[in-house]
Amino acid sequence: MAQTNFSKIDEYGFQRSKNFNYEIYGDFMSQYYRVLAKRTKRWEELKDSEKHKKNNTLKRFVRKGIPISHRTSAWMIVSGAQLLREESMFTYNDFKQQINNQTIIDMIQIDLPRTFPDNIYFSNESLLPSQLFNILAAFAHQNNEVSYCQGLNYIAGLLLLATKDEEATFWLLKVLVEKILPQYYIKTMSGLLTDLEVLDELIKIQDPVVYKHIQDIGMPWAVTTTKWFVCIYAEVLPTETVLRIWDCLFYEGSKILFRVAITLIKLHREQILEARDLSELVVSFKMMAESPNVINCHKFITDIFKIPGSFSRKTLNKLRLKHQPQ
């Protein structure tokens, strides 16, 4: 059995929860270290031409996990953020020079201390809070439709922790909000509301027993799944699992959010069905983050492409059209 002498702080500076299962994590990591080493070696062997153009090889490599040392450049390329930066009339520094709206500045400064308060890299002595302010304020000033929306601080914050690059984080945030998840963060949140309705229908199709149970208890999907989609699973699932999800999200788009949600529900259907009332049901959803099925991010990513089965982008777009607010 693996040794469980892991720190109470994870690799990205987050404090582990009191219920964190170090034994399960130790068993997983004893295998995952070898996976990481193998994936790093394979990425090093990839030709530059294979890394810079979407193809089946790169798609397979992304699904198996982008090594930390390659993540920033890979995310920039596969998401379209690099192209967005190259085609922009303005640089990131240009956008920073436009920060002057005091209302926006005040909103962001209020949220900064709330962003990962237990993360050691967001301490008062760190540069990260000021970098995060720059990113959020620059984005808000150049996008009048979204401006600043709560939830963006968590996304940008985790992007910054993963990339350690202020400018790359800005462009990745921009491509996420404006291209990959359009209308999620505008005032009406119409894109988000539509997708929650789509998820409701997908669960009804995929697991009618779970769907009926949740309906009978009377839990609206928004109670538990809004944060899943708004924060793109940041502050919901273990950090490494979230970053592996984002690897796929940047390459394959928003349908990954549905694959993750369906997989989470199906992997934990027994606990969901055991819940007798709303409070127990909400707890069963919260406890998913502590599950071995989720801690083992490598297996979980494999599961999201197997358990929900296949549903095309065309099918997803059809469902979105059906559930768009009138």
C-alpha atoms as a PDB file:
ATOM      1  CA  MET A   1       0.000   0.000   0.000  1.00  0.00           C
ATOM      2  CA  ALA A   2       1.224   3.501  -0.824  1.00  0.00           C
ATOM      3  CA  GLN A   3       2.575   5.737   1.900  1.00  0.00           C
ATOM      4  CA  THR A   4       0.225   8.545   2.888  1.00  0.00           C
ATOM      5  CA  ASN A   5       2.773  11.158   3.920  1.00  0.00           C
ATOM      6  CA  PHE A   6       1.274  13.868   1.730  1.00  0.00           C
ATOM      7  CA  SER A   7       1.141  17.515   2.751  1.00  0.00           C
ATOM      8  CA  LYS A   8      -2.096  19.152   3.886  1.00  0.00           C
ATOM      9  CA  ILE A   9      -1.461  21.561   0.997  1.00  0.00           C
ATOM     10  CA  ASP A  10      -1.823  20.228  -2.543  1.00  0.00           C
ATOM     11  CA  GLU A  11       0.507  20.850  -5.490  1.00  0.00           C
ATOM     12  CA  TYR A  12      -1.310  24.043  -6.442  1.00  0.00           C
ATOM     13  CA  GLY A  13      -1.332  25.600  -2.974  1.00  0.00           C
ATOM     14  CA  PHE A  14      -4.834  24.568  -1.885  1.00  0.00           C
ATOM     15  CA  GLN A  15      -5.500  23.299   1.620  1.00  0.00           C
ATOM     16  CA  ARG A  16      -6.925  19.805   1.577  1.00  0.00           C
ATOM     17  CA  SER A  17     -10.298  19.302   3.257  1.00  0.00           C
ATOM     18  CA  LYS A  18     -10.639  17.751   6.709  1.00  0.00           C
ATOM     19  CA  ASN A  19     -12.296  14.720   5.099  1.00  0.00           C
ATOM     20  CA  PHE A  20      -9.540  14.252   2.530  1.00  0.00           C
ATOM     21  CA  ASN A  21      -8.702  10.558   2.175  1.00  0.00           C
ATOM     22  CA  TYR A  22      -4.899  10.450   2.138  1.00  0.00           C
ATOM     23  CA  GLU A  23      -4.828   6.659   1.814  1.00  0.00           C
ATOM     24  CA  ILE A  24      -6.910   6.619  -1.366  1.00  0.00           C
ATOM     25  CA  TYR A  25      -4.930   9.553  -2.733  1.00  0.00           C
ATOM     26  CA  GLY A  26      -1.643   7.822  -1.927  1.00  0.00           C
ATOM     27  CA  ASP A  27      -2.701   4.673  -3.748  1.00  0.00           C
ATOM     28  CA  PHE A  28      -3.748   6.729  -6.750  1.00  0.00           C
ATOM     29  CA  MET A  29      -0.599   8.870  -6.863  1.00  0.00           C
ATOM     30  CA  SER A  30       1.694   5.843  -6.673  1.00  0.00           C
ATOM     31  CA  GLN A  31       0.287   4.912 -10.094  1.00  0.00           C
ATOM     32  CA  TYR A  32      -0.264   8.424 -11.442  1.00  0.00           C
ATOM     33  CA  TYR A  33       3.368   9.519 -11.053  1.00  0.00           C
ATOM     34  CA  ARG A  34       4.291   6.872 -13.625  1.00  0.00           C
ATOM     35  CA  VAL A  35       1.487   8.065 -15.913  1.00  0.00           C
ATOM     36  CA  LEU A  36       2.737  11.658 -15.656  1.00  0.00           C
ATOM     37  CA  ALA A  37       6.304  10.633 -16.452  1.00  0.00           C
ATOM     38  CA  LYS A  38       5.152   8.634 -19.469  1.00  0.00           C
ATOM     39  CA  ARG A  39       2.920  11.433 -20.763  1.00  0.00           C
ATOM     40  CA  THR A  40       5.699  14.011 -20.377  1.00  0.00           C
ATOM     41  CA  LYS A  41       8.051  11.806 -22.383  1.00  0.00           C
ATOM     42  CA  ARG A  42       5.429  11.325 -25.121  1.00  0.00           C
ATOM     43  CA  TRP A  43       4.769  15.088 -25.337  1.00  0.00           C
ATOM     44  CA  GLU A  44       8.498  15.730 -25.619  1.00  0.00           C
ATOM     45  CA  GLU A  45       8.579  13.359 -28.596  1.00  0.00           C
ATOM     46  CA  LEU A  46       5.734  15.146 -30.406  1.00  0.00           C
ATOM     47  CA  LYS A  47       6.844  17.211 -33.371  1.00  0.00           C
ATOM     48  CA  ASP A  48       6.065  20.928 -33.259  1.00  0.00           C
ATOM     49  CA  SER A  49       3.808  20.525 -36.291  1.00  0.00           C
ATOM     50  CA  GLU A  50       1.774  17.932 -34.350  1.00  0.00           C
ATOM     51  CA  LYS A  51       1.446  20.227 -31.324  1.00  0.00           C
ATOM     52  CA  HIS A  52       0.277  23.233 -33.309  1.00  0.00           C
ATOM     53  CA  LYS A  53      -2.509  21.754 -35.402  1.00  0.00           C
ATOM     54  CA  LYS A  54      -5.694  19.994 -34.324  1.00  0.00           C
ATOM     55  CA  ASN A  55      -5.672  16.359 -35.397  1.00  0.00           C
ATOM     56  CA  ASN A  56      -6.585  12.944 -34.021  1.00  0.00           C
ATOM     57  CA  THR A  57      -3.123  12.459 -32.530  1.00  0.00           C
ATOM     58  CA  LEU A  58      -3.230  15.733 -30.609  1.00  0.00           C
ATOM     59  CA  LYS A  59      -6.817  15.058 -29.507  1.00  0.00           C
ATOM     60  CA  ARG A  60      -5.738  11.702 -28.078  1.00  0.00           C
ATOM     61  CA  PHE A  61      -2.753  13.286 -26.344  1.00  0.00           C
ATOM     62  CA  VAL A  62      -4.936  16.008 -24.811  1.00  0.00           C
ATOM     63  CA  ARG A  63      -7.439  13.484 -23.473  1.00  0.00           C
ATOM     64  CA  LYS A  64      -4.613  11.524 -21.845  1.00  0.00           C
ATOM     65  CA  GLY A  65      -3.426  14.662 -20.080  1.00  0.00           C
ATOM     66  CA  ILE A  66      -1.236  17.634 -20.911  1.00  0.00           C
ATOM     67  CA  PRO A  67       1.923  17.705 -18.748  1.00  0.00           C
ATOM     68  CA  ILE A  68       2.353  20.792 -16.569  1.00  0.00           C
ATOM     69  CA  SER A  69       5.425  21.858 -18.535  1.00  0.00           C
ATOM     70  CA  HIS A  70       3.403  21.937 -21.787  1.00  0.00           C
ATOM     71  CA  ARG A  71       0.010  23.046 -20.475  1.00  0.00           C
ATOM     72  CA  THR A  72       0.242  26.806 -21.052  1.00  0.00           C
ATOM     73  CA  SER A  73       1.410  26.593 -24.663  1.00  0.00           C
ATOM     74  CA  ALA A  74      -0.967  23.714 -25.450  1.00  0.00           C
ATOM     75  CA  TRP A  75      -3.971  25.499 -23.959  1.00  0.00           C
ATOM     76  CA  MET A  76      -3.145  28.661 -25.890  1.00  0.00           C
ATOM     77  CA  ILE A  77      -2.997  26.754 -29.185  1.00  0.00           C
ATOM     78  CA  VAL A  78      -5.887  24.275 -28.911  1.00  0.00           C
ATOM     79  CA  SER A  79      -8.311  26.829 -27.408  1.00  0.00           C
ATOM     80  CA  GLY A  80      -7.735  29.447 -30.075  1.00  0.00           C
ATOM     81  CA  ALA A  81      -6.361  31.934 -27.530  1.00  0.00           C
ATOM     82  CA  GLN A  82      -3.031  32.184 -29.350  1.00  0.00           C
ATOM     83  CA  LEU A  83      -4.765  33.054 -32.614  1.00  0.00           C
ATOM     84  CA  LEU A  84      -6.984  35.530 -30.771  1.00  0.00           C
ATOM     85  CA  ARG A  85      -3.898  37.263 -29.374  1.00  0.00           C
ATOM     86  CA  GLU A  86      -2.140  37.344 -32.756  1.00  0.00           C
ATOM     87  CA  GLU A  87      -5.188  38.789 -34.546  1.00  0.00           C
ATOM     88  CA  SER A  88      -6.030  41.384 -31.887  1.00  0.00           C
ATOM     89  CA  MET A  89      -5.452  45.049 -32.683  1.00  0.00           C
ATOM     90  CA  PHE A  90      -4.514  45.554 -29.035  1.00  0.00           C
ATOM     91  CA  THR A  91      -1.971  43.905 -26.752  1.00  0.00           C
ATOM     92  CA  TYR A  92      -2.657  42.826 -23.191  1.00  0.00           C
ATOM     93  CA  ASN A  93      -0.689  45.854 -21.996  1.00  0.00           C
ATOM     94  CA  ASP A  94      -2.930  48.078 -24.122  1.00  0.00           C
ATOM     95  CA  PHE A  95      -5.968  46.648 -22.368  1.00  0.00           C
ATOM     96  CA  LYS A  96      -4.388  47.197 -18.954  1.00  0.00           C
ATOM     97  CA  GLN A  97      -3.848  50.856 -19.806  1.00  0.00           C
ATOM     98  CA  GLN A  98      -7.628  51.240 -20.228  1.00  0.00           C
ATOM     99  CA  ILE A  99      -8.449  50.333 -16.610  1.00  0.00           C
ATOM    100  CA  ASN A 100     -10.249  53.413 -15.259  1.00  0.00           C
ATOM    101  CA  ASN A 101     -13.836  52.501 -14.324  1.00  0.00           C
ATOM    102  CA  GLN A 102     -13.988  52.843 -10.538  1.00  0.00           C
ATOM    103  CA  THR A 103     -17.197  50.809 -10.220  1.00  0.00           C
ATOM    104  CA  ILE A 104     -15.574  47.828 -11.945  1.00  0.00           C
ATOM    105  CA  ILE A 105     -12.367  48.298  -9.974  1.00  0.00           C
ATOM    106  CA  ASP A 106     -14.283  48.292  -6.677  1.00  0.00           C
ATOM    107  CA  MET A 107     -16.261  45.155  -7.597  1.00  0.00           C
ATOM    108  CA  ILE A 108     -13.108  43.224  -8.423  1.00  0.00           C
ATOM    109  CA  GLN A 109     -11.227  44.439  -5.342  1.00  0.00           C
ATOM    110  CA  ILE A 110     -14.094  43.242  -3.134  1.00  0.00           C
ATOM    111  CA  ASP A 111     -13.884  39.757  -4.657  1.00  0.00           C
ATOM    112  CA  LEU A 112     -10.090  39.384  -4.614  1.00  0.00           C
ATOM    113  CA  PRO A 113      -9.820  38.409  -0.906  1.00  0.00           C
ATOM    114  CA  ARG A 114     -12.604  35.860  -1.461  1.00  0.00           C
ATOM    115  CA  THR A 115     -10.672  34.145  -4.241  1.00  0.00           C
ATOM    116  CA  PHE A 116      -9.045  30.999  -2.875  1.00  0.00           C
ATOM    117  CA  PRO A 117      -8.476  32.453   0.633  1.00  0.00           C
ATOM    118  CA  ASP A 118      -6.962  29.135   1.780  1.00  0.00           C
ATOM    119  CA  ASN A 119      -4.467  29.002  -1.084  1.00  0.00           C
ATOM    120  CA  ILE A 120      -0.927  29.799   0.027  1.00  0.00           C
ATOM    121  CA  TYR A 121      -0.081  31.400  -3.330  1.00  0.00           C
ATOM    122  CA  PHE A 122      -2.861  33.965  -2.903  1.00  0.00           C
ATOM    123  CA  SER A 123      -1.484  35.275   0.384  1.00  0.00           C
ATOM    124  CA  ASN A 124      -0.948  39.008   0.898  1.00  0.00           C
ATOM    125  CA  GLU A 125       2.778  38.562   0.279  1.00  0.00           C
ATOM    126  CA  SER A 126       2.207  37.040  -3.161  1.00  0.00           C
ATOM    127  CA  LEU A 127       2.095  38.786  -6.528  1.00  0.00           C
ATOM    128  CA  LEU A 128      -0.850  36.676  -7.628  1.00  0.00           C
ATOM    129  CA  PRO A 129      -3.668  38.879  -6.212  1.00  0.00           C
ATOM    130  CA  SER A 130      -2.366  41.940  -8.080  1.00  0.00           C
ATOM    131  CA  GLN A 131      -1.893  39.881 -11.254  1.00  0.00           C
ATOM    132  CA  LEU A 132      -5.419  38.513 -10.886  1.00  0.00           C
ATOM    133  CA  PHE A 133      -6.756  42.058 -10.493  1.00  0.00           C
ATOM    134  CA  ASN A 134      -4.978  43.116 -13.693  1.00  0.00           C
ATOM    135  CA  ILE A 135      -6.437  40.192 -15.633  1.00  0.00           C
ATOM    136  CA  LEU A 136     -10.015  40.651 -14.408  1.00  0.00           C
ATOM    137  CA  ALA A 137      -9.988  44.433 -14.757  1.00  0.00           C
ATOM    138  CA  ALA A 138      -8.414  44.367 -18.227  1.00  0.00           C
ATOM    139  CA  PHE A 139     -10.993  41.805 -19.352  1.00  0.00           C
ATOM    140  CA  ALA A 140     -13.919  43.734 -17.840  1.00  0.00           C
ATOM    141  CA  HIS A 141     -12.924  46.994 -19.499  1.00  0.00           C
ATOM    142  CA  GLN A 142     -12.625  45.486 -22.985  1.00  0.00           C
ATOM    143  CA  ASN A 143     -15.850  43.434 -22.839  1.00  0.00           C
ATOM    144  CA  ASN A 144     -18.840  45.691 -22.208  1.00  0.00           C
ATOM    145  CA  GLU A 145     -21.381  42.882 -22.460  1.00  0.00           C
ATOM    146  CA  VAL A 146     -19.850  40.830 -19.645  1.00  0.00           C
ATOM    147  CA  SER A 147     -17.797  43.409 -17.760  1.00  0.00           C
ATOM    148  CA  TYR A 148     -17.098  41.651 -14.447  1.00  0.00           C
ATOM    149  CA  CYS A 149     -19.121  38.671 -13.221  1.00  0.00           C
ATOM    150  CA  GLN A 150     -18.647  36.747  -9.988  1.00  0.00           C
ATOM    151  CA  GLY A 151     -17.173  33.358 -10.814  1.00  0.00           C
ATOM    152  CA  LEU A 152     -14.640  34.751 -13.257  1.00  0.00           C
ATOM    153  CA  ASN A 153     -12.274  35.318 -10.323  1.00  0.00           C
ATOM    154  CA  TYR A 154     -12.146  31.568  -9.635  1.00  0.00           C
ATOM    155  CA  ILE A 155     -11.595  30.686 -13.281  1.00  0.00           C
ATOM    156  CA  ALA A 156      -8.895  33.314 -13.809  1.00  0.00           C
ATOM    157  CA  GLY A 157      -7.335  32.469 -10.464  1.00  0.00           C
ATOM    158  CA  LEU A 158      -6.940  28.789 -11.309  1.00  0.00           C
ATOM    159  CA  LEU A 159      -5.742  29.631 -14.810  1.00  0.00           C
ATOM    160  CA  LEU A 160      -3.073  31.810 -13.219  1.00  0.00           C
ATOM    161  CA  LEU A 161      -2.031  29.052 -10.816  1.00  0.00           C
ATOM    162  CA  ALA A 162      -1.782  26.574 -13.690  1.00  0.00           C
ATOM    163  CA  THR A 163       0.014  28.789 -16.212  1.00  0.00           C
ATOM    164  CA  LYS A 164       1.981  31.128 -13.906  1.00  0.00           C
ATOM    165  CA  ASP A 165       1.599  33.587 -16.785  1.00  0.00           C
ATOM    166  CA  GLU A 166      -0.494  36.748 -16.416  1.00  0.00           C
ATOM    167  CA  GLU A 167      -0.819  37.503 -20.130  1.00  0.00           C
ATOM    168  CA  ALA A 168      -1.629  33.918 -21.126  1.00  0.00           C
ATOM    169  CA  THR A 169      -4.296  33.816 -18.410  1.00  0.00           C
ATOM    170  CA  PHE A 170      -5.929  36.945 -19.842  1.00  0.00           C
ATOM    171  CA  TRP A 171      -6.186  35.474 -23.354  1.00  0.00           C
ATOM    172  CA  LEU A 172      -7.365  32.092 -22.054  1.00  0.00           C
ATOM    173  CA  LEU A 173     -10.052  33.813 -19.979  1.00  0.00           C
ATOM    174  CA  LYS A 174     -11.089  35.841 -23.024  1.00  0.00           C
ATOM    175  CA  VAL A 175     -11.436  32.804 -25.285  1.00  0.00           C
ATOM    176  CA  LEU A 176     -13.331  30.895 -22.580  1.00  0.00           C
ATOM    177  CA  VAL A 177     -15.870  33.626 -21.901  1.00  0.00           C
ATOM    178  CA  GLU A 178     -16.303  34.937 -25.428  1.00  0.00           C
ATOM    179  CA  LYS A 179     -15.902  31.815 -27.576  1.00  0.00           C
ATOM    180  CA  ILE A 180     -16.215  28.567 -25.604  1.00  0.00           C
ATOM    181  CA  LEU A 181     -18.939  29.591 -23.134  1.00  0.00           C
ATOM    182  CA  PRO A 182     -20.735  32.512 -24.797  1.00  0.00           C
ATOM    183  CA  GLN A 183     -23.597  34.118 -22.839  1.00  0.00           C
ATOM    184  CA  TYR A 184     -22.664  32.300 -19.616  1.00  0.00           C
ATOM    185  CA  TYR A 185     -21.454  35.454 -17.896  1.00  0.00           C
ATOM    186  CA  ILE A 186     -23.636  38.204 -19.365  1.00  0.00           C
ATOM    187  CA  LYS A 187     -26.235  39.784 -17.045  1.00  0.00           C
ATOM    188  CA  THR A 188     -29.068  37.463 -18.107  1.00  0.00           C
ATOM    189  CA  MET A 189     -26.789  34.386 -18.013  1.00  0.00           C
ATOM    190  CA  SER A 190     -28.969  33.068 -20.843  1.00  0.00           C
ATOM    191  CA  GLY A 191     -26.323  30.621 -22.052  1.00  0.00           C
ATOM    192  CA  LEU A 192     -25.924  29.137 -18.590  1.00  0.00           C
ATOM    193  CA  LEU A 193     -29.680  28.868 -17.973  1.00  0.00           C
ATOM    194  CA  THR A 194     -30.121  27.165 -21.335  1.00  0.00           C
ATOM    195  CA  ASP A 195     -27.393  24.638 -20.588  1.00  0.00           C
ATOM    196  CA  LEU A 196     -28.873  23.801 -17.175  1.00  0.00           C
ATOM    197  CA  GLU A 197     -32.146  22.991 -18.966  1.00  0.00           C
ATOM    198  CA  VAL A 198     -30.211  20.904 -21.491  1.00  0.00           C
ATOM    199  CA  LEU A 199     -28.520  19.005 -18.662  1.00  0.00           C
ATOM    200  CA  ASP A 200     -31.923  18.360 -17.098  1.00  0.00           C
ATOM    201  CA  GLU A 201     -33.150  16.776 -20.344  1.00  0.00           C
ATOM    202  CA  LEU A 202     -29.956  14.774 -20.840  1.00  0.00           C
ATOM    203  CA  ILE A 203     -30.265  13.241 -17.354  1.00  0.00           C
ATOM    204  CA  LYS A 204     -33.920  12.452 -18.050  1.00  0.00           C
ATOM    205  CA  ILE A 205     -32.825  10.571 -21.175  1.00  0.00           C
ATOM    206  CA  GLN A 206     -29.728   8.917 -19.717  1.00  0.00           C
ATOM    207  CA  ASP A 207     -31.029   7.929 -16.270  1.00  0.00           C
ATOM    208  CA  PRO A 208     -34.797   8.370 -15.834  1.00  0.00           C
ATOM    209  CA  VAL A 209     -34.726   6.743 -12.375  1.00  0.00           C
ATOM    210  CA  VAL A 210     -32.279   9.322 -10.997  1.00  0.00           C
ATOM    211  CA  TYR A 211     -34.148  12.077 -12.810  1.00  0.00           C
ATOM    212  CA  LYS A 212     -37.490  11.081 -11.230  1.00  0.00           C
ATOM    213  CA  HIS A 213     -35.908  10.757  -7.778  1.00  0.00           C
ATOM    214  CA  ILE A 214     -34.481  14.277  -7.984  1.00  0.00           C
ATOM    215  CA  GLN A 215     -37.801  15.583  -9.310  1.00  0.00           C
ATOM    216  CA  ASP A 216     -39.751  13.864  -6.511  1.00  0.00           C
ATOM    217  CA  ILE A 217     -37.509  15.425  -3.866  1.00  0.00           C
ATOM    218  CA  GLY A 218     -37.980  18.760  -5.572  1.00  0.00           C
ATOM    219  CA  MET A 219     -34.401  19.860  -6.120  1.00  0.00           C
ATOM    220  CA  PRO A 220     -33.931  22.322  -9.001  1.00  0.00           C
ATOM    221  CA  TRP A 221     -30.769  21.594 -10.984  1.00  0.00           C
ATOM    222  CA  ALA A 222     -29.596  25.128 -10.347  1.00  0.00           C
ATOM    223  CA  VAL A 223     -29.130  24.385  -6.633  1.00  0.00           C
ATOM    224  CA  THR A 224     -26.163  22.103  -7.190  1.00  0.00           C
ATOM    225  CA  THR A 225     -25.070  22.376 -10.796  1.00  0.00           C
ATOM    226  CA  THR A 226     -24.907  26.148 -11.318  1.00  0.00           C
ATOM    227  CA  LYS A 227     -21.494  26.272  -9.646  1.00  0.00           C
ATOM    228  CA  TRP A 228     -20.371  23.281 -11.720  1.00  0.00           C
ATOM    229  CA  PHE A 229     -20.894  25.215 -14.930  1.00  0.00           C
ATOM    230  CA  VAL A 230     -20.196  28.796 -13.794  1.00  0.00           C
ATOM    231  CA  CYS A 231     -16.839  27.927 -12.216  1.00  0.00           C
ATOM    232  CA  ILE A 232     -16.128  25.147 -14.752  1.00  0.00           C
ATOM    233  CA  TYR A 233     -15.758  22.740 -11.780  1.00  0.00           C
ATOM    234  CA  ALA A 234     -13.141  24.907 -10.038  1.00  0.00           C
ATOM    235  CA  GLU A 235     -13.877  24.989  -6.293  1.00  0.00           C
ATOM    236  CA  VAL A 236     -15.974  21.849  -6.884  1.00  0.00           C
ATOM    237  CA  LEU A 237     -13.619  18.986  -7.803  1.00  0.00           C
ATOM    238  CA  PRO A 238      -9.968  18.240  -6.893  1.00  0.00           C
ATOM    239  CA  THR A 239      -7.571  20.624  -8.627  1.00  0.00           C
ATOM    240  CA  GLU A 240      -5.783  18.080 -10.807  1.00  0.00           C
ATOM    241  CA  THR A 241      -9.122  16.669 -11.924  1.00  0.00           C
ATOM    242  CA  VAL A 242     -10.322  20.172 -12.855  1.00  0.00           C
ATOM    243  CA  LEU A 243      -7.189  20.852 -14.897  1.00  0.00           C
ATOM    244  CA  ARG A 244      -7.562  17.559 -16.749  1.00  0.00           C
ATOM    245  CA  ILE A 245     -11.183  18.572 -17.520  1.00  0.00           C
ATOM    246  CA  TRP A 246      -9.921  21.934 -18.781  1.00  0.00           C
ATOM    247  CA  ASP A 247      -7.398  20.183 -21.045  1.00  0.00           C
ATOM    248  CA  CYS A 248     -10.357  18.609 -22.850  1.00  0.00           C
ATOM    249  CA  LEU A 249     -12.591  21.677 -22.598  1.00  0.00           C
ATOM    250  CA  PHE A 250     -10.055  23.893 -24.377  1.00  0.00           C
ATOM    251  CA  TYR A 251      -9.729  21.361 -27.184  1.00  0.00           C
ATOM    252  CA  GLU A 252     -13.293  20.033 -27.563  1.00  0.00           C
ATOM    253  CA  GLY A 253     -15.476  22.849 -26.283  1.00  0.00           C
ATOM    254  CA  SER A 254     -18.432  23.156 -23.930  1.00  0.00           C
ATOM    255  CA  LYS A 255     -19.891  19.690 -24.487  1.00  0.00           C
ATOM    256  CA  ILE A 256     -17.186  18.487 -22.062  1.00  0.00           C
ATOM    257  CA  LEU A 257     -19.116  20.198 -19.240  1.00  0.00           C
ATOM    258  CA  PHE A 258     -22.095  17.929 -19.950  1.00  0.00           C
ATOM    259  CA  ARG A 259     -19.936  14.819 -20.176  1.00  0.00           C
ATOM    260  CA  VAL A 260     -18.469  15.603 -16.751  1.00  0.00           C
ATOM    261  CA  ALA A 261     -21.871  16.338 -15.187  1.00  0.00           C
ATOM    262  CA  ILE A 262     -23.491  13.157 -16.526  1.00  0.00           C
ATOM    263  CA  THR A 263     -20.518  11.067 -15.430  1.00  0.00           C
ATOM    264  CA  LEU A 264     -20.551  12.547 -11.915  1.00  0.00           C
ATOM    265  CA  ILE A 265     -24.251  11.769 -11.551  1.00  0.00           C
ATOM    266  CA  LYS A 266     -23.994   8.243 -12.948  1.00  0.00           C
ATOM    267  CA  LEU A 267     -20.926   7.341 -10.874  1.00  0.00           C
ATOM    268  CA  HIS A 268     -22.726   8.495  -7.725  1.00  0.00           C
ATOM    269  CA  ARG A 269     -26.276   7.396  -8.575  1.00  0.00           C
ATOM    270  CA  GLU A 270     -26.434   5.029  -5.571  1.00  0.00           C
ATOM    271  CA  GLN A 271     -25.720   7.859  -3.121  1.00  0.00           C
ATOM    272  CA  ILE A 272     -28.201  10.112  -4.939  1.00  0.00           C
ATOM    273  CA  LEU A 273     -30.948   7.482  -4.778  1.00  0.00           C
ATOM    274  CA  GLU A 274     -30.285   6.914  -1.064  1.00  0.00           C
ATOM    275  CA  ALA A 275     -31.018  10.580  -0.285  1.00  0.00           C
ATOM    276  CA  ARG A 276     -34.417  10.954   1.370  1.00  0.00           C
ATOM    277  CA  ASP A 277     -34.843  14.718   1.329  1.00  0.00           C
ATOM    278  CA  LEU A 278     -33.416  17.915  -0.155  1.00  0.00           C
ATOM    279  CA  SER A 279     -30.680  18.382   2.457  1.00  0.00           C
ATOM    280  CA  GLU A 280     -29.409  14.804   2.038  1.00  0.00           C
ATOM    281  CA  LEU A 281     -29.495  15.168  -1.730  1.00  0.00           C
ATOM    282  CA  VAL A 282     -27.455  18.377  -1.635  1.00  0.00           C
ATOM    283  CA  VAL A 283     -24.913  16.677   0.659  1.00  0.00           C
ATOM    284  CA  SER A 284     -24.642  13.707  -1.725  1.00  0.00           C
ATOM    285  CA  PHE A 285     -23.728  16.119  -4.534  1.00  0.00           C
ATOM    286  CA  LYS A 286     -21.163  17.932  -2.376  1.00  0.00           C
ATOM    287  CA  MET A 287     -19.533  14.648  -1.325  1.00  0.00           C
ATOM    288  CA  MET A 288     -18.777  13.741  -4.939  1.00  0.00           C
ATOM    289  CA  ALA A 289     -15.514  15.701  -4.668  1.00  0.00           C
ATOM    290  CA  GLU A 290     -14.260  13.267  -2.005  1.00  0.00           C
ATOM    291  CA  SER A 291     -15.029  10.180  -4.080  1.00  0.00           C
ATOM    292  CA  PRO A 292     -12.200   7.863  -5.240  1.00  0.00           C
ATOM    293  CA  ASN A 293     -13.876   7.964  -8.673  1.00  0.00           C
ATOM    294  CA  VAL A 294     -13.116  11.685  -8.873  1.00  0.00           C
ATOM    295  CA  ILE A 295      -9.751  11.761  -7.091  1.00  0.00           C
ATOM    296  CA  ASN A 296      -8.419   9.341  -9.711  1.00  0.00           C
ATOM    297  CA  CYS A 297      -8.441  12.016 -12.407  1.00  0.00           C
ATOM    298  CA  HIS A 298      -6.857   9.767 -15.026  1.00  0.00           C
ATOM    299  CA  LYS A 299      -9.649   7.191 -14.794  1.00  0.00           C
ATOM    300  CA  PHE A 300     -12.295   9.895 -14.432  1.00  0.00           C
ATOM    301  CA  ILE A 301     -11.321  11.505 -17.739  1.00  0.00           C
ATOM    302  CA  THR A 302     -11.530   8.090 -19.393  1.00  0.00           C
ATOM    303  CA  ASP A 303     -14.988   7.674 -17.827  1.00  0.00           C
ATOM    304  CA  ILE A 304     -16.339  10.953 -19.210  1.00  0.00           C
ATOM    305  CA  PHE A 305     -15.797   9.667 -22.736  1.00  0.00           C
ATOM    306  CA  LYS A 306     -17.348   6.250 -22.011  1.00  0.00           C
ATOM    307  CA  ILE A 307     -20.158   6.571 -19.461  1.00  0.00           C
ATOM    308  CA  PRO A 308     -22.343   9.216 -21.178  1.00  0.00           C
ATOM    309  CA  GLY A 309     -22.008   7.491 -24.541  1.00  0.00           C
ATOM    310  CA  SER A 310     -21.902   9.580 -27.686  1.00  0.00           C
ATOM    311  CA  PHE A 311     -23.800  12.784 -28.283  1.00  0.00           C
ATOM    312  CA  SER A 312     -22.801  15.013 -31.118  1.00  0.00           C
ATOM    313  CA  ARG A 313     -22.343  18.765 -31.198  1.00  0.00           C
ATOM    314  CA  LYS A 314     -25.332  18.815 -33.565  1.00  0.00           C
ATOM    315  CA  THR A 315     -27.513  17.115 -30.932  1.00  0.00           C
ATOM    316  CA  LEU A 316     -26.291  19.525 -28.263  1.00  0.00           C
ATOM    317  CA  ASN A 317     -27.018  22.544 -30.436  1.00  0.00           C
ATOM    318  CA  LYS A 318     -30.505  21.194 -31.170  1.00  0.00           C
ATOM    319  CA  LEU A 319     -31.230  20.853 -27.447  1.00  0.00           C
ATOM    320  CA  ARG A 320     -29.888  24.343 -26.777  1.00  0.00           C
ATOM    321  CA  LEU A 321     -32.149  25.780 -29.449  1.00  0.00           C
ATOM    322  CA  LYS A 322     -35.122  23.999 -27.868  1.00  0.00           C
ATOM    323  CA  HIS A 323     -34.390  25.408 -24.401  1.00  0.00           C
ATOM    324  CA  GLN A 324     -33.313  28.942 -25.257  1.00  0.00           C
ATOM    325  CA  PRO A 325     -35.223  31.577 -23.263  1.00  0.00           C
ATOM    326  CA  GLN A 326     -38.021  33.093 -25.346  1.00  0.00           C
END
